[in-house]
Amino acid sequence: MPAEITPEHPNLPRRGALGATFIAIVLSGSLGGLIGYSLIATTCPDTPTRAEQLLQQIRGYHVHLPSCAFKELIAAVAGTIVAAIGAATIAMLVLRAQSEWRSHAPRPRV
């Protein structure tokens, strides 16, 4: 018994459009993660301030610098997720608009 071949729906997105959508979502997520990471990396202190350097001259005073690694990780993950969801939403709307445009193509002028 031969297997039935189901015809492809005419409004499905083309493979090139799907590939471009995937690349756009991955690129947007990567850039969002980089922005989130760099935002925290630039605002988190990694060296003592001038006042703390002066206070280090006092015997028994030790400068406490918090680690920023966890904050940077959370910011990078959050930036990646937010940017990827945003790009996916826009990509879905574009693919739907393309499908709608193809199904209702403009009529030729007489």
PDB file of N, CA and C in Angstrom:
ATOM      1  N   MET A   1       0.831  -1.152   0.000  1.00  0.00           N
ATOM      2  CA  MET A   1       0.000   0.000   0.000  1.00  0.00           C
ATOM      3  C   MET A   1       0.896   1.243   0.000  1.00  0.00           C
ATOM      4  N   PRO A   2       0.800   2.093  -1.012  1.00  0.00           N
ATOM      5  CA  PRO A   2       1.670   3.266  -1.091  1.00  0.00           C
ATOM      6  C   PRO A   2       1.275   4.317  -0.057  1.00  0.00           C
ATOM      7  N   ALA A   3       2.279   4.994   0.420  1.00  0.00           N
ATOM      8  CA  ALA A   3       2.040   6.045   1.406  1.00  0.00           C
ATOM      9  C   ALA A   3       1.411   7.257   0.711  1.00  0.00           C
ATOM     10  N   GLU A   4       0.438   7.845   1.395  1.00  0.00           N
ATOM     11  CA  GLU A   4      -0.221   9.014   0.819  1.00  0.00           C
ATOM     12  C   GLU A   4       0.673  10.239   0.979  1.00  0.00           C
ATOM     13  N   ILE A   5       0.756  11.011  -0.068  1.00  0.00           N
ATOM     14  CA  ILE A   5       1.544  12.243  -0.031  1.00  0.00           C
ATOM     15  C   ILE A   5       0.580  13.389   0.218  1.00  0.00           C
ATOM     16  N   THR A   6       0.801  14.077   1.320  1.00  0.00           N
ATOM     17  CA  THR A   6      -0.069  15.204   1.617  1.00  0.00           C
ATOM     18  C   THR A   6       0.498  16.447   0.938  1.00  0.00           C
ATOM     19  N   PRO A   7      -0.349  17.177   0.248  1.00  0.00           N
ATOM     20  CA  PRO A   7       0.152  18.374  -0.427  1.00  0.00           C
ATOM     21  C   PRO A   7       0.508  19.457   0.585  1.00  0.00           C
ATOM     22  N   GLU A   8       1.503  20.238   0.230  1.00  0.00           N
ATOM     23  CA  GLU A   8       1.949  21.318   1.099  1.00  0.00           C
ATOM     24  C   GLU A   8       0.982  22.487   0.991  1.00  0.00           C
ATOM     25  N   HIS A   9       0.709  23.123   2.106  1.00  0.00           N
ATOM     26  CA  HIS A   9      -0.186  24.272   2.111  1.00  0.00           C
ATOM     27  C   HIS A   9       0.466  25.414   1.327  1.00  0.00           C
ATOM     28  N   PRO A  10      -0.284  26.104   0.494  1.00  0.00           N
ATOM     29  CA  PRO A  10       0.335  27.142  -0.344  1.00  0.00           C
ATOM     30  C   PRO A  10       0.815  28.367   0.426  1.00  0.00           C
ATOM     31  N   ASN A  11       0.348  28.551   1.640  1.00  0.00           N
ATOM     32  CA  ASN A  11       0.742  29.739   2.395  1.00  0.00           C
ATOM     33  C   ASN A  11       1.857  29.493   3.406  1.00  0.00           C
ATOM     34  N   LEU A  12       2.460  28.307   3.375  1.00  0.00           N
ATOM     35  CA  LEU A  12       3.572  28.053   4.281  1.00  0.00           C
ATOM     36  C   LEU A  12       4.758  28.929   3.901  1.00  0.00           C
ATOM     37  N   PRO A  13       5.520  29.391   4.892  1.00  0.00           N
ATOM     38  CA  PRO A  13       6.689  30.214   4.566  1.00  0.00           C
ATOM     39  C   PRO A  13       7.737  29.410   3.810  1.00  0.00           C
ATOM     40  N   ARG A  14       8.475  30.092   2.988  1.00  0.00           N
ATOM     41  CA  ARG A  14       9.557  29.449   2.239  1.00  0.00           C
ATOM     42  C   ARG A  14      10.708  29.106   3.181  1.00  0.00           C
ATOM     43  N   ARG A  15      11.539  28.164   2.752  1.00  0.00           N
ATOM     44  CA  ARG A  15      12.676  27.753   3.591  1.00  0.00           C
ATOM     45  C   ARG A  15      13.651  28.896   3.813  1.00  0.00           C
ATOM     46  N   GLY A  16      13.862  29.709   2.807  1.00  0.00           N
ATOM     47  CA  GLY A  16      14.771  30.850   2.958  1.00  0.00           C
ATOM     48  C   GLY A  16      14.271  31.829   4.002  1.00  0.00           C
ATOM     49  N   ALA A  17      12.965  32.078   4.011  1.00  0.00           N
ATOM     50  CA  ALA A  17      12.389  32.996   4.995  1.00  0.00           C
ATOM     51  C   ALA A  17      12.498  32.406   6.399  1.00  0.00           C
ATOM     52  N   LEU A  18      12.286  31.108   6.527  1.00  0.00           N
ATOM     53  CA  LEU A  18      12.422  30.469   7.841  1.00  0.00           C
ATOM     54  C   LEU A  18      13.867  30.506   8.327  1.00  0.00           C
ATOM     55  N   GLY A  19      14.813  30.279   7.410  1.00  0.00           N
ATOM     56  CA  GLY A  19      16.230  30.352   7.775  1.00  0.00           C
ATOM     57  C   GLY A  19      16.632  31.749   8.203  1.00  0.00           C
ATOM     58  N   ALA A  20      16.167  32.754   7.463  1.00  0.00           N
ATOM     59  CA  ALA A  20      16.473  34.142   7.819  1.00  0.00           C
ATOM     60  C   ALA A  20      15.845  34.499   9.166  1.00  0.00           C
ATOM     61  N   THR A  21      14.651  33.985   9.419  1.00  0.00           N
ATOM     62  CA  THR A  21      13.985  34.231  10.702  1.00  0.00           C
ATOM     63  C   THR A  21      14.789  33.628  11.853  1.00  0.00           C
ATOM     64  N   PHE A  22      15.231  32.407  11.680  1.00  0.00           N
ATOM     65  CA  PHE A  22      16.022  31.740  12.723  1.00  0.00           C
ATOM     66  C   PHE A  22      17.309  32.503  12.995  1.00  0.00           C
ATOM     67  N   ILE A  23      18.002  32.899  11.936  1.00  0.00           N
ATOM     68  CA  ILE A  23      19.258  33.640  12.104  1.00  0.00           C
ATOM     69  C   ILE A  23      19.006  34.975  12.798  1.00  0.00           C
ATOM     70  N   ALA A  24      17.917  35.650  12.433  1.00  0.00           N
ATOM     71  CA  ALA A  24      17.601  36.941  13.048  1.00  0.00           C
ATOM     72  C   ALA A  24      17.299  36.789  14.539  1.00  0.00           C
ATOM     73  N   ILE A  25      16.588  35.732  14.908  1.00  0.00           N
ATOM     74  CA  ILE A  25      16.260  35.515  16.318  1.00  0.00           C
ATOM     75  C   ILE A  25      17.518  35.187  17.119  1.00  0.00           C
ATOM     76  N   VAL A  26      18.380  34.339  16.583  1.00  0.00           N
ATOM     77  CA  VAL A  26      19.626  33.993  17.281  1.00  0.00           C
ATOM     78  C   VAL A  26      20.533  35.211  17.413  1.00  0.00           C
ATOM     79  N   LEU A  27      20.654  35.992  16.349  1.00  0.00           N
ATOM     80  CA  LEU A  27      21.497  37.182  16.394  1.00  0.00           C
ATOM     81  C   LEU A  27      20.947  38.206  17.386  1.00  0.00           C
ATOM     82  N   SER A  28      19.639  38.409  17.373  1.00  0.00           N
ATOM     83  CA  SER A  28      19.030  39.358  18.311  1.00  0.00           C
ATOM     84  C   SER A  28      19.220  38.897  19.753  1.00  0.00           C
ATOM     85  N   GLY A  29      19.031  37.624  20.011  1.00  0.00           N
ATOM     86  CA  GLY A  29      19.248  37.101  21.366  1.00  0.00           C
ATOM     87  C   GLY A  29      20.682  37.276  21.819  1.00  0.00           C
ATOM     88  N   SER A  30      21.616  37.018  20.927  1.00  0.00           N
ATOM     89  CA  SER A  30      23.034  37.182  21.276  1.00  0.00           C
ATOM     90  C   SER A  30      23.361  38.632  21.590  1.00  0.00           C
ATOM     91  N   LEU A  31      22.871  39.534  20.766  1.00  0.00           N
ATOM     92  CA  LEU A  31      23.134  40.953  21.007  1.00  0.00           C
ATOM     93  C   LEU A  31      22.442  41.443  22.278  1.00  0.00           C
ATOM     94  N   GLY A  32      21.246  40.942  22.557  1.00  0.00           N
ATOM     95  CA  GLY A  32      20.564  41.300  23.799  1.00  0.00           C
ATOM     96  C   GLY A  32      21.332  40.826  25.019  1.00  0.00           C
ATOM     97  N   GLY A  33      21.879  39.624  24.948  1.00  0.00           N
ATOM     98  CA  GLY A  33      22.695  39.120  26.051  1.00  0.00           C
ATOM     99  C   GLY A  33      23.956  39.942  26.246  1.00  0.00           C
ATOM    100  N   LEU A  34      24.554  40.356  25.145  1.00  0.00           N
ATOM    101  CA  LEU A  34      25.756  41.181  25.226  1.00  0.00           C
ATOM    102  C   LEU A  34      25.435  42.549  25.835  1.00  0.00           C
ATOM    103  N   ILE A  35      24.306  43.117  25.460  1.00  0.00           N
ATOM    104  CA  ILE A  35      23.905  44.403  26.031  1.00  0.00           C
ATOM    105  C   ILE A  35      23.627  44.272  27.528  1.00  0.00           C
ATOM    106  N   GLY A  36      22.905  43.219  27.924  1.00  0.00           N
ATOM    107  CA  GLY A  36      22.620  43.013  29.342  1.00  0.00           C
ATOM    108  C   GLY A  36      23.891  42.820  30.153  1.00  0.00           C
ATOM    109  N   TYR A  37      24.803  42.014  29.640  1.00  0.00           N
ATOM    110  CA  TYR A  37      26.067  41.776  30.332  1.00  0.00           C
ATOM    111  C   TYR A  37      26.871  43.062  30.465  1.00  0.00           C
ATOM    112  N   SER A  38      26.993  43.805  29.367  1.00  0.00           N
ATOM    113  CA  SER A  38      27.838  44.999  29.395  1.00  0.00           C
ATOM    114  C   SER A  38      27.233  46.109  30.246  1.00  0.00           C
ATOM    115  N   LEU A  39      25.914  46.153  30.331  1.00  0.00           N
ATOM    116  CA  LEU A  39      25.269  47.152  31.183  1.00  0.00           C
ATOM    117  C   LEU A  39      25.649  46.947  32.647  1.00  0.00           C
ATOM    118  N   ILE A  40      25.640  45.712  33.098  1.00  0.00           N
ATOM    119  CA  ILE A  40      26.025  45.422  34.481  1.00  0.00           C
ATOM    120  C   ILE A  40      27.536  45.528  34.653  1.00  0.00           C
ATOM    121  N   ALA A  41      28.296  45.092  33.664  1.00  0.00           N
ATOM    122  CA  ALA A  41      29.753  45.131  33.775  1.00  0.00           C
ATOM    123  C   ALA A  41      30.269  46.556  33.898  1.00  0.00           C
ATOM    124  N   THR A  42      29.610  47.509  33.262  1.00  0.00           N
ATOM    125  CA  THR A  42      30.077  48.894  33.345  1.00  0.00           C
ATOM    126  C   THR A  42      29.633  49.584  34.624  1.00  0.00           C
ATOM    127  N   THR A  43      28.563  49.110  35.253  1.00  0.00           N
ATOM    128  CA  THR A  43      28.073  49.782  36.456  1.00  0.00           C
ATOM    129  C   THR A  43      28.522  49.113  37.748  1.00  0.00           C
ATOM    130  N   CYS A  44      29.030  47.921  37.673  1.00  0.00           N
ATOM    131  CA  CYS A  44      29.447  47.199  38.875  1.00  0.00           C
ATOM    132  C   CYS A  44      30.912  47.537  39.186  1.00  0.00           C
ATOM    133  N   PRO A  45      31.207  47.913  40.434  1.00  0.00           N
ATOM    134  CA  PRO A  45      32.585  48.309  40.760  1.00  0.00           C
ATOM    135  C   PRO A  45      33.506  47.086  40.813  1.00  0.00           C
ATOM    136  N   ASP A  46      34.631  47.179  40.114  1.00  0.00           N
ATOM    137  CA  ASP A  46      35.602  46.088  40.177  1.00  0.00           C
ATOM    138  C   ASP A  46      36.929  46.544  40.784  1.00  0.00           C
ATOM    139  N   THR A  47      37.053  47.847  41.017  1.00  0.00           N
ATOM    140  CA  THR A  47      38.233  48.380  41.685  1.00  0.00           C
ATOM    141  C   THR A  47      37.764  49.304  42.813  1.00  0.00           C
ATOM    142  N   PRO A  48      38.569  49.445  43.841  1.00  0.00           N
ATOM    143  CA  PRO A  48      38.174  50.334  44.934  1.00  0.00           C
ATOM    144  C   PRO A  48      38.155  51.798  44.470  1.00  0.00           C
ATOM    145  N   THR A  49      37.256  52.564  45.059  1.00  0.00           N
ATOM    146  CA  THR A  49      37.189  53.987  44.750  1.00  0.00           C
ATOM    147  C   THR A  49      38.401  54.693  45.350  1.00  0.00           C
ATOM    148  N   ARG A  50      38.568  55.945  44.994  1.00  0.00           N
ATOM    149  CA  ARG A  50      39.701  56.720  45.505  1.00  0.00           C
ATOM    150  C   ARG A  50      39.627  56.823  47.041  1.00  0.00           C
ATOM    151  N   ALA A  51      38.429  57.014  47.567  1.00  0.00           N
ATOM    152  CA  ALA A  51      38.259  57.097  49.025  1.00  0.00           C
ATOM    153  C   ALA A  51      38.614  55.774  49.689  1.00  0.00           C
ATOM    154  N   GLU A  52      38.221  54.663  49.088  1.00  0.00           N
ATOM    155  CA  GLU A  52      38.546  53.353  49.666  1.00  0.00           C
ATOM    156  C   GLU A  52      40.039  53.084  49.594  1.00  0.00           C
ATOM    157  N   GLN A  53      40.686  53.561  48.553  1.00  0.00           N
ATOM    158  CA  GLN A  53      42.138  53.402  48.461  1.00  0.00           C
ATOM    159  C   GLN A  53      42.840  54.186  49.576  1.00  0.00           C
ATOM    160  N   LEU A  54      42.311  55.377  49.869  1.00  0.00           N
ATOM    161  CA  LEU A  54      42.890  56.160  50.964  1.00  0.00           C
ATOM    162  C   LEU A  54      42.626  55.509  52.315  1.00  0.00           C
ATOM    163  N   LEU A  55      41.405  54.946  52.460  1.00  0.00           N
ATOM    164  CA  LEU A  55      41.072  54.296  53.730  1.00  0.00           C
ATOM    165  C   LEU A  55      41.866  53.015  53.947  1.00  0.00           C
ATOM    166  N   GLN A  56      42.385  52.408  52.892  1.00  0.00           N
ATOM    167  CA  GLN A  56      43.191  51.199  53.044  1.00  0.00           C
ATOM    168  C   GLN A  56      44.487  51.478  53.800  1.00  0.00           C
ATOM    169  N   GLN A  57      44.881  52.747  53.858  1.00  0.00           N
ATOM    170  CA  GLN A  57      46.093  53.106  54.592  1.00  0.00           C
ATOM    171  C   GLN A  57      45.913  52.924  56.100  1.00  0.00           C
ATOM    172  N   ILE A  58      44.654  52.898  56.542  1.00  0.00           N
ATOM    173  CA  ILE A  58      44.360  52.698  57.960  1.00  0.00           C
ATOM    174  C   ILE A  58      44.525  51.221  58.284  1.00  0.00           C
ATOM    175  N   ARG A  59      45.241  50.958  59.372  1.00  0.00           N
ATOM    176  CA  ARG A  59      45.497  49.581  59.758  1.00  0.00           C
ATOM    177  C   ARG A  59      44.189  48.896  60.130  1.00  0.00           C
ATOM    178  N   GLY A  60      43.954  47.711  59.610  1.00  0.00           N
ATOM    179  CA  GLY A  60      42.764  46.934  59.934  1.00  0.00           C
ATOM    180  C   GLY A  60      41.591  47.180  58.998  1.00  0.00           C
ATOM    181  N   TYR A  61      41.705  48.151  58.104  1.00  0.00           N
ATOM    182  CA  TYR A  61      40.606  48.414  57.165  1.00  0.00           C
ATOM    183  C   TYR A  61      40.842  47.622  55.886  1.00  0.00           C
ATOM    184  N   HIS A  62      39.828  46.875  55.489  1.00  0.00           N
ATOM    185  CA  HIS A  62      39.911  46.097  54.248  1.00  0.00           C
ATOM    186  C   HIS A  62      38.739  46.469  53.357  1.00  0.00           C
ATOM    187  N   VAL A  63      39.049  46.719  52.122  1.00  0.00           N
ATOM    188  CA  VAL A  63      38.009  47.088  51.153  1.00  0.00           C
ATOM    189  C   VAL A  63      37.261  45.822  50.746  1.00  0.00           C
ATOM    190  N   HIS A  64      35.957  45.902  50.795  1.00  0.00           N
ATOM    191  CA  HIS A  64      35.127  44.776  50.370  1.00  0.00           C
ATOM    192  C   HIS A  64      34.522  45.115  49.001  1.00  0.00           C
ATOM    193  N   LEU A  65      34.933  44.373  47.982  1.00  0.00           N
ATOM    194  CA  LEU A  65      34.376  44.550  46.640  1.00  0.00           C
ATOM    195  C   LEU A  65      33.493  43.347  46.316  1.00  0.00           C
ATOM    196  N   PRO A  66      32.222  43.568  46.070  1.00  0.00           N
ATOM    197  CA  PRO A  66      31.340  42.439  45.765  1.00  0.00           C
ATOM    198  C   PRO A  66      31.669  41.855  44.387  1.00  0.00           C
ATOM    199  N   SER A  67      31.439  40.580  44.263  1.00  0.00           N
ATOM    200  CA  SER A  67      31.627  39.923  42.974  1.00  0.00           C
ATOM    201  C   SER A  67      30.449  40.247  42.059  1.00  0.00           C
ATOM    202  N   CYS A  68      30.753  40.579  40.842  1.00  0.00           N
ATOM    203  CA  CYS A  68      29.715  40.954  39.878  1.00  0.00           C
ATOM    204  C   CYS A  68      29.374  39.815  38.920  1.00  0.00           C
ATOM    205  N   ALA A  69      30.000  38.676  39.073  1.00  0.00           N
ATOM    206  CA  ALA A  69      29.827  37.590  38.106  1.00  0.00           C
ATOM    207  C   ALA A  69      28.378  37.104  38.045  1.00  0.00           C
ATOM    208  N   PHE A  70      27.737  36.917  39.183  1.00  0.00           N
ATOM    209  CA  PHE A  70      26.362  36.420  39.185  1.00  0.00           C
ATOM    210  C   PHE A  70      25.413  37.452  38.578  1.00  0.00           C
ATOM    211  N   LYS A  71      25.618  38.720  38.919  1.00  0.00           N
ATOM    212  CA  LYS A  71      24.784  39.784  38.357  1.00  0.00           C
ATOM    213  C   LYS A  71      24.954  39.873  36.842  1.00  0.00           C
ATOM    214  N   GLU A  72      26.178  39.728  36.380  1.00  0.00           N
ATOM    215  CA  GLU A  72      26.440  39.769  34.938  1.00  0.00           C
ATOM    216  C   GLU A  72      25.781  38.591  34.224  1.00  0.00           C
ATOM    217  N   LEU A  73      25.832  37.418  34.850  1.00  0.00           N
ATOM    218  CA  LEU A  73      25.196  36.243  34.261  1.00  0.00           C
ATOM    219  C   LEU A  73      23.686  36.421  34.160  1.00  0.00           C
ATOM    220  N   ILE A  74      23.063  36.883  35.228  1.00  0.00           N
ATOM    221  CA  ILE A  74      21.611  37.090  35.222  1.00  0.00           C
ATOM    222  C   ILE A  74      21.229  38.131  34.183  1.00  0.00           C
ATOM    223  N   ALA A  75      21.989  39.214  34.078  1.00  0.00           N
ATOM    224  CA  ALA A  75      21.691  40.256  33.096  1.00  0.00           C
ATOM    225  C   ALA A  75      21.852  39.739  31.678  1.00  0.00           C
ATOM    226  N   ALA A  76      22.868  38.916  31.436  1.00  0.00           N
ATOM    227  CA  ALA A  76      23.073  38.366  30.102  1.00  0.00           C
ATOM    228  C   ALA A  76      21.943  37.413  29.716  1.00  0.00           C
ATOM    229  N   VAL A  77      21.524  36.570  30.640  1.00  0.00           N
ATOM    230  CA  VAL A  77      20.429  35.632  30.353  1.00  0.00           C
ATOM    231  C   VAL A  77      19.118  36.390  30.138  1.00  0.00           C
ATOM    232  N   ALA A  78      18.847  37.364  30.983  1.00  0.00           N
ATOM    233  CA  ALA A  78      17.615  38.147  30.837  1.00  0.00           C
ATOM    234  C   ALA A  78      17.613  38.927  29.522  1.00  0.00           C
ATOM    235  N   GLY A  79      18.743  39.531  29.174  1.00  0.00           N
ATOM    236  CA  GLY A  79      18.836  40.256  27.910  1.00  0.00           C
ATOM    237  C   GLY A  79      18.644  39.344  26.720  1.00  0.00           C
ATOM    238  N   THR A  80      19.204  38.142  26.792  1.00  0.00           N
ATOM    239  CA  THR A  80      19.050  37.174  25.706  1.00  0.00           C
ATOM    240  C   THR A  80      17.590  36.774  25.535  1.00  0.00           C
ATOM    241  N   ILE A  81      16.928  36.472  26.638  1.00  0.00           N
ATOM    242  CA  ILE A  81      15.535  36.023  26.572  1.00  0.00           C
ATOM    243  C   ILE A  81      14.623  37.127  26.056  1.00  0.00           C
ATOM    244  N   VAL A  82      14.781  38.325  26.580  1.00  0.00           N
ATOM    245  CA  VAL A  82      13.908  39.432  26.175  1.00  0.00           C
ATOM    246  C   VAL A  82      14.108  39.769  24.697  1.00  0.00           C
ATOM    247  N   ALA A  83      15.358  39.854  24.267  1.00  0.00           N
ATOM    248  CA  ALA A  83      15.627  40.199  22.865  1.00  0.00           C
ATOM    249  C   ALA A  83      15.156  39.093  21.920  1.00  0.00           C
ATOM    250  N   ALA A  84      15.348  37.832  22.294  1.00  0.00           N
ATOM    251  CA  ALA A  84      14.918  36.735  21.427  1.00  0.00           C
ATOM    252  C   ALA A  84      13.400  36.666  21.321  1.00  0.00           C
ATOM    253  N   ILE A  85      12.705  36.896  22.428  1.00  0.00           N
ATOM    254  CA  ILE A  85      11.236  36.890  22.381  1.00  0.00           C
ATOM    255  C   ILE A  85      10.732  38.048  21.534  1.00  0.00           C
ATOM    256  N   GLY A  86      11.343  39.207  21.671  1.00  0.00           N
ATOM    257  CA  GLY A  86      10.951  40.352  20.854  1.00  0.00           C
ATOM    258  C   GLY A  86      11.184  40.107  19.371  1.00  0.00           C
ATOM    259  N   ALA A  87      12.337  39.560  19.035  1.00  0.00           N
ATOM    260  CA  ALA A  87      12.640  39.271  17.634  1.00  0.00           C
ATOM    261  C   ALA A  87      11.725  38.183  17.093  1.00  0.00           C
ATOM    262  N   ALA A  88      11.411  37.188  17.899  1.00  0.00           N
ATOM    263  CA  ALA A  88      10.513  36.121  17.451  1.00  0.00           C
ATOM    264  C   ALA A  88       9.111  36.645  17.192  1.00  0.00           C
ATOM    265  N   THR A  89       8.665  37.570  18.027  1.00  0.00           N
ATOM    266  CA  THR A  89       7.337  38.164  17.821  1.00  0.00           C
ATOM    267  C   THR A  89       7.281  38.925  16.507  1.00  0.00           C
ATOM    268  N   ILE A  90       8.283  39.744  16.256  1.00  0.00           N
ATOM    269  CA  ILE A  90       8.331  40.502  15.003  1.00  0.00           C
ATOM    270  C   ILE A  90       8.444  39.557  13.812  1.00  0.00           C
ATOM    271  N   ALA A  91       9.268  38.524  13.928  1.00  0.00           N
ATOM    272  CA  ALA A  91       9.436  37.574  12.825  1.00  0.00           C
ATOM    273  C   ALA A  91       8.135  36.836  12.536  1.00  0.00           C
ATOM    274  N   MET A  92       7.407  36.464  13.573  1.00  0.00           N
ATOM    275  CA  MET A  92       6.132  35.777  13.369  1.00  0.00           C
ATOM    276  C   MET A  92       5.147  36.691  12.644  1.00  0.00           C
ATOM    277  N   LEU A  93       5.104  37.954  13.027  1.00  0.00           N
ATOM    278  CA  LEU A  93       4.199  38.892  12.363  1.00  0.00           C
ATOM    279  C   LEU A  93       4.591  39.096  10.904  1.00  0.00           C
ATOM    280  N   VAL A  94       5.877  39.148  10.619  1.00  0.00           N
ATOM    281  CA  VAL A  94       6.333  39.314   9.234  1.00  0.00           C
ATOM    282  C   VAL A  94       5.975  38.087   8.410  1.00  0.00           C
ATOM    283  N   LEU A  95       6.184  36.894   8.956  1.00  0.00           N
ATOM    284  CA  LEU A  95       5.855  35.672   8.211  1.00  0.00           C
ATOM    285  C   LEU A  95       4.346  35.572   7.961  1.00  0.00           C
ATOM    286  N   ARG A  96       3.549  35.962   8.940  1.00  0.00           N
ATOM    287  CA  ARG A  96       2.091  35.960   8.739  1.00  0.00           C
ATOM    288  C   ARG A  96       1.676  36.967   7.681  1.00  0.00           C
ATOM    289  N   ALA A  97       2.311  38.130   7.688  1.00  0.00           N
ATOM    290  CA  ALA A  97       1.989  39.144   6.683  1.00  0.00           C
ATOM    291  C   ALA A  97       2.376  38.663   5.292  1.00  0.00           C
ATOM    292  N   GLN A  98       3.511  37.999   5.163  1.00  0.00           N
ATOM    293  CA  GLN A  98       3.915  37.442   3.868  1.00  0.00           C
ATOM    294  C   GLN A  98       2.908  36.406   3.399  1.00  0.00           C
ATOM    295  N   SER A  99       2.484  35.549   4.313  1.00  0.00           N
ATOM    296  CA  SER A  99       1.510  34.515   3.960  1.00  0.00           C
ATOM    297  C   SER A  99       0.200  35.139   3.516  1.00  0.00           C
ATOM    298  N   GLU A 100      -0.255  36.138   4.247  1.00  0.00           N
ATOM    299  CA  GLU A 100      -1.504  36.815   3.896  1.00  0.00           C
ATOM    300  C   GLU A 100      -1.385  37.528   2.558  1.00  0.00           C
ATOM    301  N   TRP A 101      -0.247  38.129   2.319  1.00  0.00           N
ATOM    302  CA  TRP A 101      -0.047  38.853   1.064  1.00  0.00           C
ATOM    303  C   TRP A 101      -0.042  37.883  -0.119  1.00  0.00           C
ATOM    304  N   ARG A 102       0.586  36.698   0.076  1.00  0.00           N
ATOM    305  CA  ARG A 102       0.612  35.710  -1.012  1.00  0.00           C
ATOM    306  C   ARG A 102      -0.762  35.127  -1.278  1.00  0.00           C
ATOM    307  N   SER A 103      -1.575  34.955  -0.230  1.00  0.00           N
ATOM    308  CA  SER A 103      -2.892  34.349  -0.445  1.00  0.00           C
ATOM    309  C   SER A 103      -3.867  35.329  -1.080  1.00  0.00           C
ATOM    310  N   HIS A 104      -3.641  36.613  -0.890  1.00  0.00           N
ATOM    311  CA  HIS A 104      -4.495  37.632  -1.495  1.00  0.00           C
ATOM    312  C   HIS A 104      -3.651  38.537  -2.387  1.00  0.00           C
ATOM    313  N   ALA A 105      -3.046  37.939  -3.371  1.00  0.00           N
ATOM    314  CA  ALA A 105      -2.174  38.688  -4.271  1.00  0.00           C
ATOM    315  C   ALA A 105      -2.977  39.757  -5.005  1.00  0.00           C
ATOM    316  N   PRO A 106      -2.357  40.887  -5.311  1.00  0.00           N
ATOM    317  CA  PRO A 106      -3.071  41.931  -6.023  1.00  0.00           C
ATOM    318  C   PRO A 106      -3.498  41.450  -7.413  1.00  0.00           C
ATOM    319  N   ARG A 107      -4.670  41.905  -7.812  1.00  0.00           N
ATOM    320  CA  ARG A 107      -5.171  41.509  -9.133  1.00  0.00           C
ATOM    321  C   ARG A 107      -4.458  42.312 -10.211  1.00  0.00           C
ATOM    322  N   PRO A 108      -4.237  41.711 -11.361  1.00  0.00           N
ATOM    323  CA  PRO A 108      -3.576  42.451 -12.438  1.00  0.00           C
ATOM    324  C   PRO A 108      -4.499  43.567 -12.943  1.00  0.00           C
ATOM    325  N   ARG A 109      -3.881  44.695 -13.264  1.00  0.00           N
ATOM    326  CA  ARG A 109      -4.657  45.839 -13.754  1.00  0.00           C
ATOM    327  C   ARG A 109      -5.060  45.605 -15.198  1.00  0.00           C
ATOM    328  N   VAL A 110      -6.239  46.073 -15.527  1.00  0.00           N
ATOM    329  CA  VAL A 110      -6.765  45.876 -16.884  1.00  0.00           C
ATOM    330  C   VAL A 110      -6.474  47.086 -17.736  1.00  0.00           C
TER     331      VAL A 110
END
